[in-house]
N, C-alpha and C. Protein backbone atom coordinates (compact mmCIF):
# COMPACT_ATOMS: atom_id res chain seq x y z
N MET A 1 19.98 -79.34 -166.26
CA MET A 1 19.68 -78.90 -167.60
C MET A 1 20.77 -79.40 -168.54
N GLU A 2 20.39 -79.99 -169.63
CA GLU A 2 21.32 -80.52 -170.62
C GLU A 2 21.86 -79.40 -171.50
N LEU A 3 23.17 -79.42 -171.73
CA LEU A 3 23.79 -78.46 -172.64
C LEU A 3 23.54 -78.87 -174.08
N PRO A 4 23.17 -77.94 -174.95
CA PRO A 4 23.09 -78.30 -176.37
C PRO A 4 24.49 -78.58 -176.88
N ARG A 5 24.67 -79.70 -177.54
CA ARG A 5 26.01 -80.11 -177.99
C ARG A 5 26.05 -80.11 -179.52
N THR A 6 26.09 -78.91 -180.08
CA THR A 6 26.14 -78.77 -181.53
C THR A 6 27.56 -78.50 -182.02
N ARG A 7 28.51 -78.47 -181.11
CA ARG A 7 29.92 -78.24 -181.43
C ARG A 7 30.76 -79.35 -180.84
N ASP A 8 32.01 -79.47 -181.32
CA ASP A 8 32.93 -80.47 -180.79
C ASP A 8 33.42 -80.11 -179.39
N VAL A 9 33.42 -78.81 -179.06
CA VAL A 9 33.86 -78.33 -177.75
C VAL A 9 32.79 -77.41 -177.19
N ILE A 10 32.36 -77.71 -175.98
CA ILE A 10 31.45 -76.83 -175.24
C ILE A 10 32.27 -76.20 -174.13
N THR A 11 32.34 -74.88 -174.12
CA THR A 11 33.15 -74.15 -173.14
C THR A 11 32.32 -73.83 -171.91
N GLN A 12 32.86 -74.19 -170.74
CA GLN A 12 32.20 -73.85 -169.48
C GLN A 12 32.99 -72.79 -168.72
N VAL A 13 34.32 -72.85 -168.79
CA VAL A 13 35.20 -71.81 -168.25
C VAL A 13 36.26 -71.55 -169.31
N LYS A 14 36.40 -70.29 -169.71
CA LYS A 14 37.30 -69.93 -170.80
C LYS A 14 38.65 -69.50 -170.27
N GLY A 15 39.71 -70.02 -170.89
CA GLY A 15 41.08 -69.62 -170.58
C GLY A 15 41.56 -68.61 -171.60
N GLN A 16 42.80 -68.75 -172.02
CA GLN A 16 43.42 -67.82 -172.96
C GLN A 16 43.23 -68.29 -174.40
N THR A 17 43.19 -67.33 -175.33
CA THR A 17 43.09 -67.65 -176.76
C THR A 17 44.11 -66.84 -177.53
N PHE A 18 44.45 -67.35 -178.71
CA PHE A 18 45.46 -66.72 -179.54
C PHE A 18 45.20 -67.14 -180.98
N PRO A 19 45.16 -66.20 -181.95
CA PRO A 19 45.00 -66.61 -183.35
C PRO A 19 46.30 -67.19 -183.88
N VAL A 20 46.19 -68.29 -184.62
CA VAL A 20 47.39 -68.95 -185.15
C VAL A 20 47.19 -69.32 -186.62
N GLY A 21 48.32 -69.42 -187.32
CA GLY A 21 48.32 -69.96 -188.67
C GLY A 21 48.31 -71.47 -188.60
N LEU A 22 47.95 -72.11 -189.70
CA LEU A 22 47.82 -73.56 -189.74
C LEU A 22 48.82 -74.19 -190.69
N SER A 23 49.29 -75.38 -190.32
CA SER A 23 50.18 -76.14 -191.20
C SER A 23 49.41 -76.61 -192.43
N THR A 24 50.16 -77.02 -193.43
CA THR A 24 49.54 -77.61 -194.62
C THR A 24 48.76 -78.86 -194.24
N ASN A 25 49.29 -79.67 -193.29
CA ASN A 25 48.58 -80.87 -192.82
C ASN A 25 47.18 -80.53 -192.32
N LEU A 26 47.09 -79.54 -191.46
CA LEU A 26 45.79 -79.17 -190.89
C LEU A 26 44.83 -78.66 -191.96
N THR A 27 45.31 -77.79 -192.84
CA THR A 27 44.40 -77.24 -193.84
C THR A 27 43.94 -78.30 -194.85
N GLN A 28 44.81 -79.26 -195.16
CA GLN A 28 44.42 -80.29 -196.13
C GLN A 28 43.57 -81.40 -195.52
N LEU A 29 43.89 -81.80 -194.28
CA LEU A 29 43.20 -82.93 -193.66
C LEU A 29 41.99 -82.52 -192.82
N GLY A 30 41.96 -81.28 -192.34
CA GLY A 30 40.88 -80.85 -191.47
C GLY A 30 41.12 -81.35 -190.05
N TRP A 31 40.33 -80.85 -189.11
CA TRP A 31 40.50 -81.21 -187.72
C TRP A 31 39.18 -81.03 -186.99
N ALA A 32 39.07 -81.66 -185.85
CA ALA A 32 37.89 -81.51 -184.99
C ALA A 32 38.17 -80.42 -183.96
N GLY A 33 37.13 -79.80 -183.46
CA GLY A 33 37.29 -78.87 -182.34
C GLY A 33 37.84 -79.64 -181.16
N GLY A 34 38.82 -79.08 -180.46
CA GLY A 34 39.48 -79.77 -179.37
C GLY A 34 40.77 -80.44 -179.78
N GLN A 35 41.09 -80.41 -181.08
CA GLN A 35 42.31 -81.02 -181.60
C GLN A 35 43.53 -80.44 -180.91
N GLY A 36 44.40 -81.30 -180.38
CA GLY A 36 45.65 -80.87 -179.78
C GLY A 36 46.65 -80.50 -180.86
N VAL A 37 47.38 -79.42 -180.63
CA VAL A 37 48.36 -78.94 -181.61
C VAL A 37 49.68 -78.61 -180.93
N LEU A 38 50.73 -78.50 -181.75
CA LEU A 38 52.05 -78.10 -181.29
C LEU A 38 52.58 -77.02 -182.21
N TRP A 39 53.54 -76.24 -181.68
CA TRP A 39 54.15 -75.18 -182.48
C TRP A 39 55.09 -75.77 -183.52
N ILE A 40 55.11 -75.16 -184.72
CA ILE A 40 56.07 -75.54 -185.75
C ILE A 40 56.71 -74.27 -186.33
N ASP A 41 57.86 -74.46 -186.97
CA ASP A 41 58.51 -73.35 -187.64
C ASP A 41 57.73 -73.00 -188.90
N SER A 42 57.75 -71.73 -189.25
CA SER A 42 57.05 -71.25 -190.43
C SER A 42 57.93 -70.26 -191.17
N PRO A 43 57.91 -70.28 -192.50
CA PRO A 43 58.69 -69.30 -193.25
C PRO A 43 58.04 -67.91 -193.22
N TYR A 44 56.85 -67.83 -192.66
CA TYR A 44 56.10 -66.57 -192.61
C TYR A 44 56.17 -65.99 -191.21
N ASP A 45 55.83 -64.76 -191.07
CA ASP A 45 55.85 -64.09 -189.77
C ASP A 45 54.52 -64.33 -189.05
N VAL A 46 54.20 -65.62 -188.86
CA VAL A 46 52.93 -66.01 -188.24
C VAL A 46 53.20 -67.18 -187.29
N PHE A 47 52.66 -67.12 -186.08
CA PHE A 47 52.74 -68.28 -185.20
C PHE A 47 51.92 -69.39 -185.83
N THR A 48 52.53 -70.57 -186.00
CA THR A 48 51.90 -71.65 -186.76
C THR A 48 51.88 -72.94 -185.94
N VAL A 49 50.80 -73.72 -186.12
CA VAL A 49 50.65 -74.98 -185.40
C VAL A 49 50.37 -76.13 -186.37
N ASP A 50 50.62 -77.35 -185.87
CA ASP A 50 50.35 -78.58 -186.60
C ASP A 50 49.74 -79.57 -185.61
N PHE A 51 49.28 -80.72 -186.11
CA PHE A 51 48.75 -81.76 -185.23
C PHE A 51 49.79 -82.09 -184.16
N SER A 52 49.35 -82.25 -182.92
CA SER A 52 50.25 -82.63 -181.84
C SER A 52 50.67 -84.08 -182.00
N ASP A 53 51.90 -84.37 -181.59
CA ASP A 53 52.40 -85.75 -181.55
C ASP A 53 52.55 -86.19 -180.09
N GLY A 54 51.85 -85.52 -179.20
CA GLY A 54 51.95 -85.76 -177.77
C GLY A 54 52.47 -84.54 -177.03
N ARG A 55 53.11 -83.62 -177.78
CA ARG A 55 53.58 -82.37 -177.18
C ARG A 55 52.47 -81.32 -177.32
N PRO A 56 52.22 -80.55 -176.26
CA PRO A 56 51.12 -79.59 -176.32
C PRO A 56 51.54 -78.13 -176.51
N ALA A 57 50.80 -77.43 -177.35
CA ALA A 57 50.83 -75.97 -177.38
C ALA A 57 49.45 -75.47 -176.93
N GLY A 58 48.45 -76.31 -177.12
CA GLY A 58 47.07 -75.99 -176.78
C GLY A 58 46.14 -76.83 -177.63
N PHE A 59 44.90 -76.39 -177.74
CA PHE A 59 43.93 -77.08 -178.59
C PHE A 59 43.20 -76.05 -179.44
N LEU A 60 42.64 -76.51 -180.55
CA LEU A 60 41.90 -75.62 -181.44
C LEU A 60 40.45 -75.61 -181.02
N LEU A 61 39.90 -74.42 -180.86
CA LEU A 61 38.56 -74.26 -180.31
C LEU A 61 37.48 -74.83 -181.22
N TRP A 62 37.54 -74.51 -182.51
CA TRP A 62 36.52 -74.97 -183.44
C TRP A 62 37.11 -75.92 -184.46
N GLY A 63 36.33 -76.86 -184.90
CA GLY A 63 36.75 -77.77 -185.95
C GLY A 63 36.72 -77.07 -187.30
N SER A 64 37.38 -77.68 -188.28
CA SER A 64 37.47 -77.07 -189.61
C SER A 64 36.17 -77.17 -190.39
N ASN A 65 35.29 -78.07 -190.00
CA ASN A 65 34.05 -78.27 -190.75
C ASN A 65 32.95 -78.78 -189.82
N GLU A 66 32.68 -78.04 -188.75
CA GLU A 66 31.69 -78.49 -187.77
C GLU A 66 30.27 -78.31 -188.29
N LEU A 67 29.42 -79.19 -187.89
CA LEU A 67 28.02 -79.15 -188.29
C LEU A 67 27.37 -77.81 -187.94
N ALA A 68 27.73 -77.23 -186.79
CA ALA A 68 27.14 -75.96 -186.35
C ALA A 68 27.49 -74.81 -187.29
N ASP A 69 28.55 -74.95 -188.08
CA ASP A 69 28.96 -73.89 -189.00
C ASP A 69 28.34 -74.01 -190.39
N GLN A 70 27.69 -75.10 -190.66
CA GLN A 70 27.14 -75.31 -191.99
C GLN A 70 26.06 -74.28 -192.31
N TYR A 71 26.11 -73.77 -193.50
CA TYR A 71 25.14 -72.79 -194.00
C TYR A 71 25.22 -71.47 -193.25
N THR A 72 26.42 -71.13 -192.76
CA THR A 72 26.64 -69.82 -192.15
C THR A 72 27.78 -69.14 -192.90
N ALA A 73 28.00 -67.88 -192.63
CA ALA A 73 29.10 -67.16 -193.26
C ALA A 73 30.45 -67.70 -192.82
N TYR A 74 30.50 -68.46 -191.73
CA TYR A 74 31.75 -68.97 -191.19
C TYR A 74 32.17 -70.29 -191.85
N THR A 75 31.29 -70.92 -192.61
CA THR A 75 31.57 -72.23 -193.21
C THR A 75 32.85 -72.20 -194.03
N GLY A 76 33.81 -73.06 -193.64
CA GLY A 76 35.04 -73.21 -194.40
C GLY A 76 36.06 -72.09 -194.26
N ASN A 77 35.80 -71.08 -193.43
CA ASN A 77 36.72 -69.95 -193.32
C ASN A 77 38.09 -70.31 -192.77
N GLN A 78 38.15 -71.17 -191.77
CA GLN A 78 39.45 -71.46 -191.14
C GLN A 78 40.42 -72.10 -192.12
N PRO A 79 40.04 -73.19 -192.81
CA PRO A 79 41.00 -73.76 -193.76
C PRO A 79 41.28 -72.83 -194.95
N LEU A 80 40.26 -72.11 -195.40
CA LEU A 80 40.44 -71.22 -196.55
C LEU A 80 41.43 -70.11 -196.25
N TYR A 81 41.28 -69.48 -195.10
CA TYR A 81 42.15 -68.35 -194.75
C TYR A 81 43.32 -68.76 -193.87
N ASN A 82 43.48 -70.08 -193.63
CA ASN A 82 44.65 -70.62 -192.93
C ASN A 82 44.81 -70.05 -191.52
N PHE A 83 43.74 -70.09 -190.72
CA PHE A 83 43.82 -69.61 -189.35
C PHE A 83 42.93 -70.45 -188.45
N ALA A 84 43.19 -70.37 -187.15
CA ALA A 84 42.33 -71.00 -186.15
C ALA A 84 42.54 -70.28 -184.83
N VAL A 85 41.70 -70.61 -183.86
CA VAL A 85 41.82 -70.04 -182.52
C VAL A 85 42.46 -71.10 -181.63
N LEU A 86 43.67 -70.80 -181.15
CA LEU A 86 44.38 -71.68 -180.24
C LEU A 86 43.95 -71.35 -178.81
N CYS A 87 43.66 -72.39 -178.04
CA CYS A 87 43.26 -72.23 -176.63
C CYS A 87 44.34 -72.82 -175.75
N TYR A 88 44.69 -72.14 -174.69
CA TYR A 88 45.68 -72.63 -173.75
C TYR A 88 45.36 -72.07 -172.37
N GLY A 89 46.07 -72.55 -171.37
CA GLY A 89 45.80 -72.12 -170.01
C GLY A 89 44.75 -73.01 -169.37
N LEU A 90 44.04 -72.45 -168.41
CA LEU A 90 43.03 -73.19 -167.66
C LEU A 90 41.66 -73.04 -168.32
N TRP A 91 41.13 -74.13 -168.83
CA TRP A 91 39.80 -74.18 -169.44
C TRP A 91 39.02 -75.31 -168.78
N LEU A 92 37.72 -75.19 -168.74
CA LEU A 92 36.84 -76.29 -168.38
C LEU A 92 35.95 -76.49 -169.60
N ILE A 93 36.11 -77.65 -170.25
CA ILE A 93 35.38 -77.92 -171.49
C ILE A 93 34.72 -79.29 -171.44
N SER A 94 33.80 -79.46 -172.33
CA SER A 94 33.18 -80.76 -172.59
C SER A 94 33.41 -81.00 -174.08
N THR A 95 33.97 -82.15 -174.45
CA THR A 95 34.36 -82.36 -175.84
C THR A 95 34.06 -83.77 -176.34
N SER A 96 33.83 -83.85 -177.63
CA SER A 96 33.65 -85.15 -178.29
C SER A 96 34.97 -85.63 -178.89
N THR A 97 36.03 -84.82 -178.74
CA THR A 97 37.34 -85.12 -179.33
C THR A 97 38.25 -85.75 -178.29
N TYR A 98 38.19 -87.07 -178.18
CA TYR A 98 39.04 -87.83 -177.28
C TYR A 98 39.17 -89.24 -177.84
N GLU A 99 40.25 -89.92 -177.45
CA GLU A 99 40.46 -91.29 -177.92
C GLU A 99 39.44 -92.19 -177.25
N ARG A 100 38.77 -92.98 -178.06
CA ARG A 100 37.75 -93.89 -177.54
C ARG A 100 38.28 -95.32 -177.34
N TYR A 101 39.35 -95.65 -178.06
CA TYR A 101 39.87 -97.02 -178.02
C TYR A 101 41.36 -97.00 -177.66
N THR A 102 41.82 -98.05 -177.01
CA THR A 102 43.21 -98.13 -176.56
C THR A 102 44.16 -98.06 -177.75
N TYR A 103 45.36 -97.57 -177.48
CA TYR A 103 46.39 -97.49 -178.51
C TYR A 103 46.68 -98.88 -179.07
N ALA A 104 46.83 -99.87 -178.19
CA ALA A 104 47.15 -101.23 -178.63
C ALA A 104 46.08 -101.78 -179.57
N SER A 105 44.82 -101.54 -179.27
CA SER A 105 43.76 -102.09 -180.13
C SER A 105 43.61 -101.30 -181.43
N ARG A 106 43.94 -99.99 -181.42
CA ARG A 106 43.87 -99.18 -182.65
C ARG A 106 44.98 -99.54 -183.61
N THR A 107 46.11 -100.03 -183.09
CA THR A 107 47.27 -100.29 -183.94
C THR A 107 47.47 -101.77 -184.23
N SER A 108 46.51 -102.59 -183.90
CA SER A 108 46.60 -104.03 -184.18
C SER A 108 45.42 -104.45 -185.03
N ASN A 109 45.42 -105.70 -185.44
CA ASN A 109 44.31 -106.23 -186.23
C ASN A 109 43.21 -106.83 -185.37
N GLY A 110 43.38 -106.73 -184.06
CA GLY A 110 42.39 -107.30 -183.15
C GLY A 110 41.18 -106.40 -182.97
N PRO A 111 40.29 -106.78 -182.09
CA PRO A 111 39.09 -105.97 -181.84
C PRO A 111 39.46 -104.66 -181.11
N LEU A 112 38.64 -103.64 -181.32
CA LEU A 112 38.85 -102.36 -180.64
C LEU A 112 38.42 -102.49 -179.19
N VAL A 113 39.29 -102.06 -178.28
CA VAL A 113 39.03 -102.13 -176.85
C VAL A 113 38.79 -100.71 -176.34
N PRO A 114 37.62 -100.44 -175.76
CA PRO A 114 37.34 -99.09 -175.27
C PRO A 114 38.28 -98.66 -174.14
N ILE A 115 38.65 -97.38 -174.14
CA ILE A 115 39.41 -96.81 -173.02
C ILE A 115 38.41 -96.49 -171.92
N VAL A 116 38.76 -96.80 -170.69
CA VAL A 116 37.93 -96.46 -169.54
C VAL A 116 38.51 -95.18 -168.93
N TYR A 117 37.68 -94.15 -168.84
CA TYR A 117 38.08 -92.90 -168.20
C TYR A 117 37.45 -92.84 -166.82
N ASN A 118 38.20 -92.30 -165.87
CA ASN A 118 37.72 -92.13 -164.50
C ASN A 118 37.91 -90.69 -164.09
N PRO A 119 37.03 -90.17 -163.21
CA PRO A 119 37.24 -88.81 -162.72
C PRO A 119 38.64 -88.64 -162.14
N SER A 120 39.25 -87.52 -162.42
CA SER A 120 40.59 -87.14 -161.97
C SER A 120 41.73 -87.81 -162.74
N ASP A 121 41.43 -88.66 -163.74
CA ASP A 121 42.50 -89.20 -164.58
C ASP A 121 43.28 -88.05 -165.19
N ARG A 122 44.61 -88.19 -165.24
CA ARG A 122 45.43 -87.21 -165.94
C ARG A 122 45.32 -87.49 -167.43
N LEU A 123 45.26 -86.43 -168.22
CA LEU A 123 45.14 -86.57 -169.67
C LEU A 123 46.39 -86.07 -170.37
N LEU A 124 46.69 -86.73 -171.48
CA LEU A 124 47.78 -86.37 -172.37
C LEU A 124 47.20 -86.22 -173.76
N PHE A 125 48.00 -85.74 -174.71
CA PHE A 125 47.61 -85.83 -176.10
C PHE A 125 48.18 -87.13 -176.66
N SER A 126 47.37 -87.82 -177.45
CA SER A 126 47.82 -89.04 -178.11
C SER A 126 48.79 -88.67 -179.22
N LEU A 127 49.32 -89.66 -179.90
CA LEU A 127 50.21 -89.40 -181.04
C LEU A 127 49.47 -88.68 -182.17
N ARG A 128 48.13 -88.66 -182.09
CA ARG A 128 47.31 -87.95 -183.09
C ARG A 128 46.80 -86.61 -182.55
N GLY A 129 47.22 -86.25 -181.34
CA GLY A 129 46.79 -84.98 -180.76
C GLY A 129 45.38 -85.01 -180.22
N ILE A 130 44.93 -86.16 -179.75
CA ILE A 130 43.59 -86.31 -179.20
C ILE A 130 43.72 -86.63 -177.71
N TYR A 131 42.81 -86.11 -176.88
CA TYR A 131 42.88 -86.38 -175.44
C TYR A 131 42.82 -87.88 -175.16
N THR A 132 43.69 -88.34 -174.26
CA THR A 132 43.71 -89.74 -173.84
C THR A 132 44.32 -89.84 -172.45
N ASN A 133 44.04 -90.94 -171.75
CA ASN A 133 44.69 -91.16 -170.46
C ASN A 133 45.84 -92.16 -170.59
N GLU A 134 46.17 -92.55 -171.83
CA GLU A 134 47.27 -93.47 -172.09
C GLU A 134 48.53 -92.70 -172.52
N ASP A 135 49.69 -93.17 -172.08
CA ASP A 135 50.96 -92.60 -172.51
C ASP A 135 51.37 -93.32 -173.80
N GLU A 136 50.99 -92.78 -174.93
CA GLU A 136 51.27 -93.44 -176.21
C GLU A 136 52.74 -93.38 -176.60
N TRP A 137 53.52 -92.47 -176.02
CA TRP A 137 54.96 -92.49 -176.28
C TRP A 137 55.54 -93.79 -175.74
N THR A 138 55.17 -94.15 -174.52
CA THR A 138 55.66 -95.39 -173.92
C THR A 138 55.12 -96.60 -174.66
N LEU A 139 53.82 -96.60 -174.95
CA LEU A 139 53.19 -97.75 -175.61
C LEU A 139 53.73 -97.99 -177.01
N SER A 140 54.15 -96.93 -177.70
CA SER A 140 54.65 -97.07 -179.07
C SER A 140 56.15 -97.30 -179.13
N GLY A 141 56.83 -97.21 -177.98
CA GLY A 141 58.29 -97.36 -177.98
C GLY A 141 59.01 -96.10 -178.40
N ASP A 142 58.34 -94.96 -178.37
CA ASP A 142 58.95 -93.68 -178.74
C ASP A 142 60.13 -93.39 -177.80
N PRO A 143 61.28 -92.98 -178.33
CA PRO A 143 62.44 -92.72 -177.46
C PRO A 143 62.25 -91.54 -176.50
N ARG A 144 61.24 -90.72 -176.71
CA ARG A 144 60.97 -89.59 -175.80
C ARG A 144 60.22 -90.02 -174.54
N ALA A 145 59.78 -91.28 -174.49
CA ALA A 145 58.96 -91.78 -173.38
C ALA A 145 59.72 -91.68 -172.06
N PRO A 146 58.97 -91.53 -170.97
CA PRO A 146 57.53 -91.38 -170.86
C PRO A 146 57.09 -89.95 -171.15
N ASN A 147 55.85 -89.81 -171.58
CA ASN A 147 55.29 -88.49 -171.86
C ASN A 147 54.80 -87.89 -170.54
N ARG A 148 55.40 -86.79 -170.16
CA ARG A 148 55.00 -86.11 -168.92
C ARG A 148 54.33 -84.77 -169.22
N PHE A 149 53.91 -84.58 -170.48
CA PHE A 149 53.23 -83.35 -170.86
C PHE A 149 51.73 -83.48 -170.59
N TYR A 150 51.36 -83.47 -169.32
CA TYR A 150 49.94 -83.59 -168.97
C TYR A 150 49.20 -82.34 -169.41
N VAL A 151 48.06 -82.53 -170.05
CA VAL A 151 47.30 -81.40 -170.59
C VAL A 151 45.99 -81.16 -169.87
N GLY A 152 45.62 -82.04 -168.93
CA GLY A 152 44.38 -81.83 -168.22
C GLY A 152 44.00 -83.00 -167.34
N SER A 153 42.81 -82.89 -166.77
CA SER A 153 42.25 -83.93 -165.90
C SER A 153 40.79 -84.15 -166.24
N VAL A 154 40.35 -85.39 -166.11
CA VAL A 154 38.94 -85.73 -166.36
C VAL A 154 38.08 -85.17 -165.24
N MET A 155 37.02 -84.47 -165.61
CA MET A 155 36.06 -83.95 -164.64
C MET A 155 34.77 -84.78 -164.65
N GLU A 156 34.34 -85.20 -165.84
CA GLU A 156 33.15 -86.05 -165.98
C GLU A 156 33.41 -87.02 -167.12
N VAL A 157 33.15 -88.29 -166.86
CA VAL A 157 33.41 -89.32 -167.87
C VAL A 157 32.33 -89.32 -168.94
N PRO A 158 32.67 -89.79 -170.14
CA PRO A 158 31.67 -89.88 -171.20
C PRO A 158 30.58 -90.89 -170.82
N GLY A 159 29.36 -90.57 -171.16
CA GLY A 159 28.25 -91.48 -170.88
C GLY A 159 26.98 -91.03 -171.54
N SER A 160 25.94 -91.81 -171.35
CA SER A 160 24.66 -91.50 -171.98
C SER A 160 24.04 -90.22 -171.41
N ASN A 161 24.41 -89.83 -170.20
CA ASN A 161 23.85 -88.63 -169.60
C ASN A 161 24.45 -87.34 -170.17
N ASN A 162 25.55 -87.44 -170.92
CA ASN A 162 26.18 -86.24 -171.49
C ASN A 162 26.54 -86.41 -172.96
N ASN A 163 25.76 -87.23 -173.67
CA ASN A 163 25.97 -87.48 -175.11
C ASN A 163 27.37 -87.99 -175.42
N ASN A 164 27.97 -88.71 -174.49
CA ASN A 164 29.31 -89.28 -174.65
C ASN A 164 30.40 -88.23 -174.84
N PHE A 165 30.21 -87.06 -174.27
CA PHE A 165 31.25 -86.03 -174.25
C PHE A 165 32.12 -86.25 -173.02
N LEU A 166 33.40 -85.97 -173.14
CA LEU A 166 34.35 -86.03 -172.03
C LEU A 166 34.49 -84.61 -171.48
N SER A 167 34.24 -84.43 -170.19
CA SER A 167 34.44 -83.12 -169.57
C SER A 167 35.80 -83.11 -168.90
N LEU A 168 36.56 -82.05 -169.13
CA LEU A 168 37.91 -81.99 -168.60
C LEU A 168 38.31 -80.57 -168.28
N GLN A 169 39.30 -80.48 -167.42
CA GLN A 169 39.93 -79.20 -167.11
C GLN A 169 41.32 -79.24 -167.70
N THR A 170 41.64 -78.27 -168.54
CA THR A 170 42.96 -78.24 -169.16
C THR A 170 43.97 -77.58 -168.24
N THR A 171 45.24 -77.89 -168.45
CA THR A 171 46.32 -77.33 -167.64
C THR A 171 47.50 -76.91 -168.52
N MET A 172 47.24 -76.57 -169.76
CA MET A 172 48.33 -76.23 -170.69
C MET A 172 48.74 -74.78 -170.51
């Protein structure tokens, strides 16, 4: 039976959740469900997150403007009220939020080269906080390299049988 995929993240096994405040970056730019985030300092008495740079605190369950929320009372609430649901721990999800092209091809003027995902590949967050099997710290020359903050493993690769969603088990 095919899962209806009207959201960026389809939950199959739920881990832990926590309400968090959002950085100015997140509220102004918006985000997709499944977006990787990291903790940041805040002048307020609120746990606050920003886009991940490869370091994980978890992922945001819902996107800031998902199609499934349109024309409902929930439309635009997260950015307006500066909150989101942070997910961490062991989750089994299917998501449309993952890097589709290699870091090298995204950062050059050449053609985009698709990333090949395989079952059991270890996943990291990219420099943009998106699931990837590439160590972008090493590829970009970041002095923190190599990135050993593994956030999950591939369970099912994207394909026509699953609407190009990546299924993964998180380990954050």
